[in-house]
Amino acid sequence: MSFDARVMLSRRLRFLPHRAFAMAHHALFQGELTTFRRPRTWSQLLAKKNLDDQPELVHVTADKYTVREHVAERIGAEHLIPLLQVVERAEDLDLEAPTGPYVVKGTHGCDMTILVRHPAAADHAKIRSTVARWLRTDFFTHGWRERPYEGLTPRAVVEEMIGDGTKPPADYKFFVFHGEPAMVVVDQDRFTAHTSTMLHPDWVPFRISGRFSQADALPEKPASYERMLEIARALGKDFTFCRVDLYDVDGHVYFGEITHNPGGGLVRLRPRAFDRALGNLWRNGTPIPEKFIQRS
């Protein structure tokens, strides 16, 4: 069954109670049946965490607007992407104001992004219509029942488009366990020929695969990489696990988001032994075995 077919089938299961939905969802995408009562792998632990009540800081940091204050306090406001607008109604968007490329995002879920490279040619009616649909959506209920998004106020933000204004810069996703980065996923060309390269923090590839193809060549290590590691530690230390997304633009680090349930729990890592290795790291602090790391 294709990934898209699994997505469609999962949407038909939303009538199920929360735990039953989580079990069916996990079986559909991870290929195993579990009750999550004794989670061992990373994907099981992620699903179990999503079933539990969430600390308030999880909700604050899952919200793409409220997280900004938290990030400014932790690492400095200079790492925030410049904010142009925040609205709770689509009709309040001032789309005539931006003079350069900008990005519109929903703050209460994921997959809510519009890139506007040429403001003068933007279809304002279409943008407002899309944003209005986002703001009508309870992402927790109509998405994958991701608890971090439960109860968030629907908003949209308009931010400057960082980088060269033609495409988003590479996205560096740090998988942080107990405050220490254990994996870096480099997403490139997300809206065209998307590649997703999974690396050890030493900037060497893992011998693993996920949903997307890896880049043909090892991505160049960003100039700000050491600062990125510091930021990932600072923002991840409050959680047993989270993913911290960052960008490098001319050597300066910009914060993207904090994600507590990457991919909605849909991504199956191969080999499955690596999923268990991440679970051992999460539960016991056991380092990822060298057999998964391509050092030469």
Foldseek 3Di string as FASTA:
>chain_A
DDLVVLQVVLLVVLVDPDQVSLQVNCCSQAVDGDSLPPDQFQLSVLSVVQVDADPPVLLQQQFQPSVQVVLCVQPRNVQAFAWDDKDLALVPDDLVPDPAWKKKAKRLADPGIDTGLDSVPDDSVVNSVSLNVQSVDQCCSNPLVRNSSPPDHIMMTMGHQDDPSPDHAWKWKFKAALLAGAWIWTWDPCPHQTAIFIAGLVQFGFQKDKDGHHDPDRDDQALQSVVVRVSSSRVQNVDRIWMWMWGAHPNRIHGDGIGSNPPSSNMHMPPNVQSSQVSCCSPPVDHRDCVRTDPD
